[in-house]
Amino acid sequence: MVMETKPVSKIDIYQRGMRGLHDILGAVDAEEFIAMIKSEKLDYTEWRRQYFDQIEPEQFLKEAEDYELSHPFKGNLSAII
């Protein structure tokens, strides 16, 4: 079975990202996080690349598996595809 995907707009991505930040950090800390990112002129891609360049593939796989087990997907799959 092939699942059809629909394009995701920038607004959809923004809303999901903000909802995720708010759900995890709360309103105040989410705003603080955004302010920190903006003030630091952070290159998120480079920041993550530096992190992943320092870990072994086995460690990455272990962390991903641990995260998946501790954060089971509970949402609507069609909302993210």
PDB file of N, CA and C in Angstrom:
ATOM      1  N   MET A   1       0.841  -1.176   0.000  1.00  0.00           N
ATOM      2  CA  MET A   1       0.000   0.000   0.000  1.00  0.00           C
ATOM      3  C   MET A   1       0.886   1.238   0.000  1.00  0.00           C
ATOM      4  N   VAL A   2       0.616   2.170  -0.892  1.00  0.00           N
ATOM      5  CA  VAL A   2       1.383   3.403  -0.986  1.00  0.00           C
ATOM      6  C   VAL A   2       0.585   4.518  -0.340  1.00  0.00           C
ATOM      7  N   MET A   3       1.239   5.218   0.606  1.00  0.00           N
ATOM      8  CA  MET A   3       0.570   6.337   1.255  1.00  0.00           C
ATOM      9  C   MET A   3       0.854   7.597   0.465  1.00  0.00           C
ATOM     10  N   GLU A   4      -0.189   8.346   0.191  1.00  0.00           N
ATOM     11  CA  GLU A   4      -0.043   9.597  -0.530  1.00  0.00           C
ATOM     12  C   GLU A   4       0.320  10.685   0.463  1.00  0.00           C
ATOM     13  N   THR A   5       1.280  11.510   0.105  1.00  0.00           N
ATOM     14  CA  THR A   5       1.675  12.584   0.998  1.00  0.00           C
ATOM     15  C   THR A   5       1.248  13.909   0.403  1.00  0.00           C
ATOM     16  N   LYS A   6       0.916  14.833   1.263  1.00  0.00           N
ATOM     17  CA  LYS A   6       0.552  16.159   0.810  1.00  0.00           C
ATOM     18  C   LYS A   6       1.672  17.116   1.190  1.00  0.00           C
ATOM     19  N   PRO A   7       1.847  18.172   0.418  1.00  0.00           N
ATOM     20  CA  PRO A   7       2.897  19.143   0.748  1.00  0.00           C
ATOM     21  C   PRO A   7       2.607  19.795   2.096  1.00  0.00           C
ATOM     22  N   VAL A   8       3.660  20.078   2.822  1.00  0.00           N
ATOM     23  CA  VAL A   8       3.526  20.728   4.119  1.00  0.00           C
ATOM     24  C   VAL A   8       3.948  22.179   3.945  1.00  0.00           C
ATOM     25  N   SER A   9       3.092  23.089   4.365  1.00  0.00           N
ATOM     26  CA  SER A   9       3.411  24.510   4.220  1.00  0.00           C
ATOM     27  C   SER A   9       4.341  24.957   5.345  1.00  0.00           C
ATOM     28  N   LYS A  10       4.970  26.098   5.143  1.00  0.00           N
ATOM     29  CA  LYS A  10       5.831  26.663   6.178  1.00  0.00           C
ATOM     30  C   LYS A  10       5.027  26.985   7.427  1.00  0.00           C
ATOM     31  N   ILE A  11       3.782  27.393   7.237  1.00  0.00           N
ATOM     32  CA  ILE A  11       2.932  27.690   8.386  1.00  0.00           C
ATOM     33  C   ILE A  11       2.660  26.424   9.184  1.00  0.00           C
ATOM     34  N   ASP A  12       2.398  25.310   8.496  1.00  0.00           N
ATOM     35  CA  ASP A  12       2.176  24.035   9.187  1.00  0.00           C
ATOM     36  C   ASP A  12       3.403  23.634   9.998  1.00  0.00           C
ATOM     37  N   ILE A  13       4.569  23.754   9.390  1.00  0.00           N
ATOM     38  CA  ILE A  13       5.808  23.399  10.081  1.00  0.00           C
ATOM     39  C   ILE A  13       6.017  24.307  11.289  1.00  0.00           C
ATOM     40  N   TYR A  14       5.794  25.599  11.103  1.00  0.00           N
ATOM     41  CA  TYR A  14       5.931  26.555  12.203  1.00  0.00           C
ATOM     42  C   TYR A  14       4.986  26.204  13.349  1.00  0.00           C
ATOM     43  N   GLN A  15       3.726  25.931  13.011  1.00  0.00           N
ATOM     44  CA  GLN A  15       2.745  25.622  14.046  1.00  0.00           C
ATOM     45  C   GLN A  15       3.105  24.342  14.798  1.00  0.00           C
ATOM     46  N   ARG A  16       3.538  23.321  14.078  1.00  0.00           N
ATOM     47  CA  ARG A  16       3.921  22.068  14.735  1.00  0.00           C
ATOM     48  C   ARG A  16       5.147  22.267  15.608  1.00  0.00           C
ATOM     49  N   GLY A  17       6.110  23.035  15.115  1.00  0.00           N
ATOM     50  CA  GLY A  17       7.314  23.314  15.894  1.00  0.00           C
ATOM     51  C   GLY A  17       7.001  24.083  17.168  1.00  0.00           C
ATOM     52  N   MET A  18       6.169  25.105  17.044  1.00  0.00           N
ATOM     53  CA  MET A  18       5.795  25.893  18.218  1.00  0.00           C
ATOM     54  C   MET A  18       4.999  25.044  19.212  1.00  0.00           C
ATOM     55  N   ARG A  19       4.113  24.204  18.703  1.00  0.00           N
ATOM     56  CA  ARG A  19       3.336  23.322  19.583  1.00  0.00           C
ATOM     57  C   ARG A  19       4.279  22.374  20.316  1.00  0.00           C
ATOM     58  N   GLY A  20       5.273  21.833  19.598  1.00  0.00           N
ATOM     59  CA  GLY A  20       6.237  20.934  20.228  1.00  0.00           C
ATOM     60  C   GLY A  20       7.051  21.637  21.299  1.00  0.00           C
ATOM     61  N   LEU A  21       7.554  22.838  20.981  1.00  0.00           N
ATOM     62  CA  LEU A  21       8.308  23.596  21.979  1.00  0.00           C
ATOM     63  C   LEU A  21       7.445  23.896  23.194  1.00  0.00           C
ATOM     64  N   HIS A  22       6.234  24.337  22.944  1.00  0.00           N
ATOM     65  CA  HIS A  22       5.335  24.681  24.045  1.00  0.00           C
ATOM     66  C   HIS A  22       5.010  23.454  24.892  1.00  0.00           C
ATOM     67  N   ASP A  23       4.740  22.324  24.241  1.00  0.00           N
ATOM     68  CA  ASP A  23       4.399  21.101  24.982  1.00  0.00           C
ATOM     69  C   ASP A  23       5.553  20.620  25.846  1.00  0.00           C
ATOM     70  N   ILE A  24       6.766  20.755  25.353  1.00  0.00           N
ATOM     71  CA  ILE A  24       7.928  20.244  26.079  1.00  0.00           C
ATOM     72  C   ILE A  24       8.471  21.264  27.083  1.00  0.00           C
ATOM     73  N   LEU A  25       8.575  22.519  26.661  1.00  0.00           N
ATOM     74  CA  LEU A  25       9.217  23.524  27.504  1.00  0.00           C
ATOM     75  C   LEU A  25       8.244  24.398  28.286  1.00  0.00           C
ATOM     76  N   GLY A  26       7.027  24.492  27.832  1.00  0.00           N
ATOM     77  CA  GLY A  26       6.096  25.451  28.414  1.00  0.00           C
ATOM     78  C   GLY A  26       6.241  26.788  27.707  1.00  0.00           C
ATOM     79  N   ALA A  27       5.265  27.663  27.889  1.00  0.00           N
ATOM     80  CA  ALA A  27       5.222  28.921  27.139  1.00  0.00           C
ATOM     81  C   ALA A  27       6.438  29.807  27.401  1.00  0.00           C
ATOM     82  N   VAL A  28       6.795  29.993  28.651  1.00  0.00           N
ATOM     83  CA  VAL A  28       7.886  30.910  28.989  1.00  0.00           C
ATOM     84  C   VAL A  28       9.224  30.386  28.486  1.00  0.00           C
ATOM     85  N   ASP A  29       9.542  29.130  28.760  1.00  0.00           N
ATOM     86  CA  ASP A  29      10.824  28.571  28.330  1.00  0.00           C
ATOM     87  C   ASP A  29      10.899  28.430  26.818  1.00  0.00           C
ATOM     88  N   ALA A  30       9.773  28.188  26.154  1.00  0.00           N
ATOM     89  CA  ALA A  30       9.764  28.130  24.686  1.00  0.00           C
ATOM     90  C   ALA A  30      10.155  29.494  24.117  1.00  0.00           C
ATOM     91  N   GLU A  31       9.596  30.559  24.668  1.00  0.00           N
ATOM     92  CA  GLU A  31       9.946  31.906  24.218  1.00  0.00           C
ATOM     93  C   GLU A  31      11.415  32.216  24.509  1.00  0.00           C
ATOM     94  N   GLU A  32      11.889  31.797  25.662  1.00  0.00           N
ATOM     95  CA  GLU A  32      13.297  32.007  26.025  1.00  0.00           C
ATOM     96  C   GLU A  32      14.215  31.254  25.054  1.00  0.00           C
ATOM     97  N   PHE A  33      13.840  30.036  24.712  1.00  0.00           N
ATOM     98  CA  PHE A  33      14.623  29.241  23.761  1.00  0.00           C
ATOM     99  C   PHE A  33      14.704  29.956  22.414  1.00  0.00           C
ATOM    100  N   ILE A  34      13.581  30.447  21.928  1.00  0.00           N
ATOM    101  CA  ILE A  34      13.569  31.148  20.641  1.00  0.00           C
ATOM    102  C   ILE A  34      14.438  32.397  20.707  1.00  0.00           C
ATOM    103  N   ALA A  35      14.351  33.138  21.799  1.00  0.00           N
ATOM    104  CA  ALA A  35      15.177  34.340  21.965  1.00  0.00           C
ATOM    105  C   ALA A  35      16.658  33.990  21.968  1.00  0.00           C
ATOM    106  N   MET A  36      17.022  32.892  22.636  1.00  0.00           N
ATOM    107  CA  MET A  36      18.431  32.470  22.665  1.00  0.00           C
ATOM    108  C   MET A  36      18.916  32.109  21.268  1.00  0.00           C
ATOM    109  N   ILE A  37      18.109  31.369  20.523  1.00  0.00           N
ATOM    110  CA  ILE A  37      18.482  30.971  19.170  1.00  0.00           C
ATOM    111  C   ILE A  37      18.688  32.202  18.299  1.00  0.00           C
ATOM    112  N   LYS A  38      17.778  33.149  18.385  1.00  0.00           N
ATOM    113  CA  LYS A  38      17.872  34.352  17.566  1.00  0.00           C
ATOM    114  C   LYS A  38      19.082  35.193  17.945  1.00  0.00           C
ATOM    115  N   SER A  39      19.356  35.316  19.236  1.00  0.00           N
ATOM    116  CA  SER A  39      20.458  36.175  19.674  1.00  0.00           C
ATOM    117  C   SER A  39      21.823  35.571  19.374  1.00  0.00           C
ATOM    118  N   GLU A  40      21.900  34.259  19.306  1.00  0.00           N
ATOM    119  CA  GLU A  40      23.167  33.584  19.060  1.00  0.00           C
ATOM    120  C   GLU A  40      23.475  33.432  17.572  1.00  0.00           C
ATOM    121  N   LYS A  41      22.519  33.731  16.717  1.00  0.00           N
ATOM    122  CA  LYS A  41      22.690  33.523  15.272  1.00  0.00           C
ATOM    123  C   LYS A  41      23.141  32.083  15.023  1.00  0.00           C
ATOM    124  N   LEU A  42      22.466  31.181  15.700  1.00  0.00           N
ATOM    125  CA  LEU A  42      22.821  29.768  15.672  1.00  0.00           C
ATOM    126  C   LEU A  42      22.551  29.149  14.308  1.00  0.00           C
ATOM    127  N   ASP A  43      23.508  28.434  13.797  1.00  0.00           N
ATOM    128  CA  ASP A  43      23.325  27.622  12.601  1.00  0.00           C
ATOM    129  C   ASP A  43      22.995  26.216  13.106  1.00  0.00           C
ATOM    130  N   TYR A  44      21.712  25.920  13.176  1.00  0.00           N
ATOM    131  CA  TYR A  44      21.267  24.666  13.767  1.00  0.00           C
ATOM    132  C   TYR A  44      21.885  23.459  13.069  1.00  0.00           C
ATOM    133  N   THR A  45      21.952  23.513  11.743  1.00  0.00           N
ATOM    134  CA  THR A  45      22.511  22.388  10.989  1.00  0.00           C
ATOM    135  C   THR A  45      23.965  22.143  11.377  1.00  0.00           C
ATOM    136  N   GLU A  46      24.749  23.191  11.464  1.00  0.00           N
ATOM    137  CA  GLU A  46      26.153  23.055  11.852  1.00  0.00           C
ATOM    138  C   GLU A  46      26.274  22.576  13.296  1.00  0.00           C
ATOM    139  N   TRP A  47      25.435  23.090  14.164  1.00  0.00           N
ATOM    140  CA  TRP A  47      25.441  22.702  15.568  1.00  0.00           C
ATOM    141  C   TRP A  47      25.186  21.201  15.709  1.00  0.00           C
ATOM    142  N   ARG A  48      24.178  20.686  15.018  1.00  0.00           N
ATOM    143  CA  ARG A  48      23.878  19.260  15.082  1.00  0.00           C
ATOM    144  C   ARG A  48      24.964  18.434  14.403  1.00  0.00           C
ATOM    145  N   ARG A  49      25.521  18.937  13.311  1.00  0.00           N
ATOM    146  CA  ARG A  49      26.593  18.217  12.624  1.00  0.00           C
ATOM    147  C   ARG A  49      27.788  18.036  13.555  1.00  0.00           C
ATOM    148  N   GLN A  50      28.131  19.080  14.294  1.00  0.00           N
ATOM    149  CA  GLN A  50      29.253  18.976  15.231  1.00  0.00           C
ATOM    150  C   GLN A  50      28.980  17.909  16.282  1.00  0.00           C
ATOM    151  N   TYR A  51      27.749  17.852  16.755  1.00  0.00           N
ATOM    152  CA  TYR A  51      27.397  16.833  17.744  1.00  0.00           C
ATOM    153  C   TYR A  51      27.518  15.439  17.138  1.00  0.00           C
ATOM    154  N   PHE A  52      26.904  15.229  15.992  1.00  0.00           N
ATOM    155  CA  PHE A  52      26.886  13.896  15.393  1.00  0.00           C
ATOM    156  C   PHE A  52      28.259  13.463  14.883  1.00  0.00           C
ATOM    157  N   ASP A  53      29.109  14.414  14.524  1.00  0.00           N
ATOM    158  CA  ASP A  53      30.466  14.056  14.104  1.00  0.00           C
ATOM    159  C   ASP A  53      31.285  13.472  15.253  1.00  0.00           C
ATOM    160  N   GLN A  54      30.870  13.739  16.487  1.00  0.00           N
ATOM    161  CA  GLN A  54      31.637  13.302  17.646  1.00  0.00           C
ATOM    162  C   GLN A  54      31.170  11.969  18.226  1.00  0.00           C
ATOM    163  N   ILE A  55      30.097  11.401  17.699  1.00  0.00           N
ATOM    164  CA  ILE A  55      29.615  10.144  18.259  1.00  0.00           C
ATOM    165  C   ILE A  55      29.739   9.027  17.226  1.00  0.00           C
ATOM    166  N   GLU A  56      29.908   7.842  17.723  1.00  0.00           N
ATOM    167  CA  GLU A  56      30.011   6.661  16.865  1.00  0.00           C
ATOM    168  C   GLU A  56      28.618   6.262  16.369  1.00  0.00           C
ATOM    169  N   PRO A  57      28.548   5.649  15.192  1.00  0.00           N
ATOM    170  CA  PRO A  57      27.245   5.216  14.670  1.00  0.00           C
ATOM    171  C   PRO A  57      26.478   4.317  15.636  1.00  0.00           C
ATOM    172  N   GLU A  58      27.176   3.460  16.350  1.00  0.00           N
ATOM    173  CA  GLU A  58      26.522   2.570  17.305  1.00  0.00           C
ATOM    174  C   GLU A  58      25.863   3.359  18.438  1.00  0.00           C
ATOM    175  N   GLN A  59      26.544   4.413  18.898  1.00  0.00           N
ATOM    176  CA  GLN A  59      25.993   5.256  19.959  1.00  0.00           C
ATOM    177  C   GLN A  59      24.752   5.985  19.446  1.00  0.00           C
ATOM    178  N   PHE A  60      24.821   6.491  18.220  1.00  0.00           N
ATOM    179  CA  PHE A  60      23.674   7.175  17.628  1.00  0.00           C
ATOM    180  C   PHE A  60      22.476   6.229  17.549  1.00  0.00           C
ATOM    181  N   LEU A  61      22.706   5.011  17.067  1.00  0.00           N
ATOM    182  CA  LEU A  61      21.634   4.028  16.946  1.00  0.00           C
ATOM    183  C   LEU A  61      21.040   3.712  18.312  1.00  0.00           C
ATOM    184  N   LYS A  62      21.889   3.547  19.319  1.00  0.00           N
ATOM    185  CA  LYS A  62      21.421   3.252  20.678  1.00  0.00           C
ATOM    186  C   LYS A  62      20.570   4.397  21.210  1.00  0.00           C
ATOM    187  N   GLU A  63      21.028   5.631  21.020  1.00  0.00           N
ATOM    188  CA  GLU A  63      20.266   6.790  21.493  1.00  0.00           C
ATOM    189  C   GLU A  63      18.924   6.892  20.767  1.00  0.00           C
ATOM    190  N   ALA A  64      18.915   6.631  19.469  1.00  0.00           N
ATOM    191  CA  ALA A  64      17.673   6.684  18.697  1.00  0.00           C
ATOM    192  C   ALA A  64      16.698   5.607  19.173  1.00  0.00           C
ATOM    193  N   GLU A  65      17.195   4.403  19.396  1.00  0.00           N
ATOM    194  CA  GLU A  65      16.335   3.318  19.883  1.00  0.00           C
ATOM    195  C   GLU A  65      15.793   3.622  21.278  1.00  0.00           C
ATOM    196  N   ASP A  66      16.650   4.146  22.164  1.00  0.00           N
ATOM    197  CA  ASP A  66      16.212   4.505  23.514  1.00  0.00           C
ATOM    198  C   ASP A  66      15.134   5.582  23.466  1.00  0.00           C
ATOM    199  N   TYR A  67      15.343   6.561  22.598  1.00  0.00           N
ATOM    200  CA  TYR A  67      14.358   7.639  22.468  1.00  0.00           C
ATOM    201  C   TYR A  67      13.028   7.092  21.955  1.00  0.00           C
ATOM    202  N   GLU A  68      13.091   6.245  20.953  1.00  0.00           N
ATOM    203  CA  GLU A  68      11.867   5.673  20.393  1.00  0.00           C
ATOM    204  C   GLU A  68      11.087   4.885  21.454  1.00  0.00           C
ATOM    205  N   LEU A  69      11.798   4.132  22.266  1.00  0.00           N
ATOM    206  CA  LEU A  69      11.135   3.350  23.312  1.00  0.00           C
ATOM    207  C   LEU A  69      10.526   4.237  24.401  1.00  0.00           C
ATOM    208  N   SER A  70      11.200   5.326  24.733  1.00  0.00           N
ATOM    209  CA  SER A  70      10.723   6.192  25.805  1.00  0.00           C
ATOM    210  C   SER A  70       9.718   7.238  25.325  1.00  0.00           C
ATOM    211  N   HIS A  71       9.572   7.390  24.010  1.00  0.00           N
ATOM    212  CA  HIS A  71       8.644   8.369  23.438  1.00  0.00           C
ATOM    213  C   HIS A  71       7.820   7.718  22.329  1.00  0.00           C
ATOM    214  N   PRO A  72       6.957   6.773  22.671  1.00  0.00           N
ATOM    215  CA  PRO A  72       6.180   6.116  21.621  1.00  0.00           C
ATOM    216  C   PRO A  72       5.249   7.101  20.925  1.00  0.00           C
ATOM    217  N   PHE A  73       5.088   6.916  19.622  1.00  0.00           N
ATOM    218  CA  PHE A  73       4.228   7.790  18.844  1.00  0.00           C
ATOM    219  C   PHE A  73       2.777   7.568  19.249  1.00  0.00           C
ATOM    220  N   LYS A  74       2.091   8.644  19.607  1.00  0.00           N
ATOM    221  CA  LYS A  74       0.710   8.545  20.064  1.00  0.00           C
ATOM    222  C   LYS A  74      -0.237   9.372  19.214  1.00  0.00           C
ATOM    223  N   GLY A  75       0.287   9.956  18.170  1.00  0.00           N
ATOM    224  CA  GLY A  75      -0.529  10.863  17.368  1.00  0.00           C
ATOM    225  C   GLY A  75      -1.146  10.227  16.154  1.00  0.00           C
ATOM    226  N   ASN A  76      -1.581  11.079  15.285  1.00  0.00           N
ATOM    227  CA  ASN A  76      -2.204  10.686  14.030  1.00  0.00           C
ATOM    228  C   ASN A  76      -1.125  10.693  12.959  1.00  0.00           C
ATOM    229  N   LEU A  77      -0.757   9.541  12.460  1.00  0.00           N
ATOM    230  CA  LEU A  77       0.311   9.432  11.477  1.00  0.00           C
ATOM    231  C   LEU A  77       0.038  10.275  10.243  1.00  0.00           C
ATOM    232  N   SER A  78      -1.202  10.376   9.831  1.00  0.00           N
ATOM    233  CA  SER A  78      -1.510  11.147   8.635  1.00  0.00           C
ATOM    234  C   SER A  78      -1.250  12.632   8.835  1.00  0.00           C
ATOM    235  N   ALA A  79      -1.157  13.090  10.076  1.00  0.00           N
ATOM    236  CA  ALA A  79      -0.892  14.504  10.353  1.00  0.00           C
ATOM    237  C   ALA A  79       0.565  14.868  10.114  1.00  0.00           C
ATOM    238  N   ILE A  80       1.458  13.890  10.096  1.00  0.00           N
ATOM    239  CA  ILE A  80       2.870  14.206   9.907  1.00  0.00           C
ATOM    240  C   ILE A  80       3.422  13.731   8.568  1.00  0.00           C
ATOM    241  N   ILE A  81       2.605  13.080   7.805  1.00  0.00           N
ATOM    242  CA  ILE A  81       3.066  12.582   6.505  1.00  0.00           C
ATOM    243  C   ILE A  81       2.551  13.473   5.415  1.00  0.00           C
TER     244      ILE A  81
END
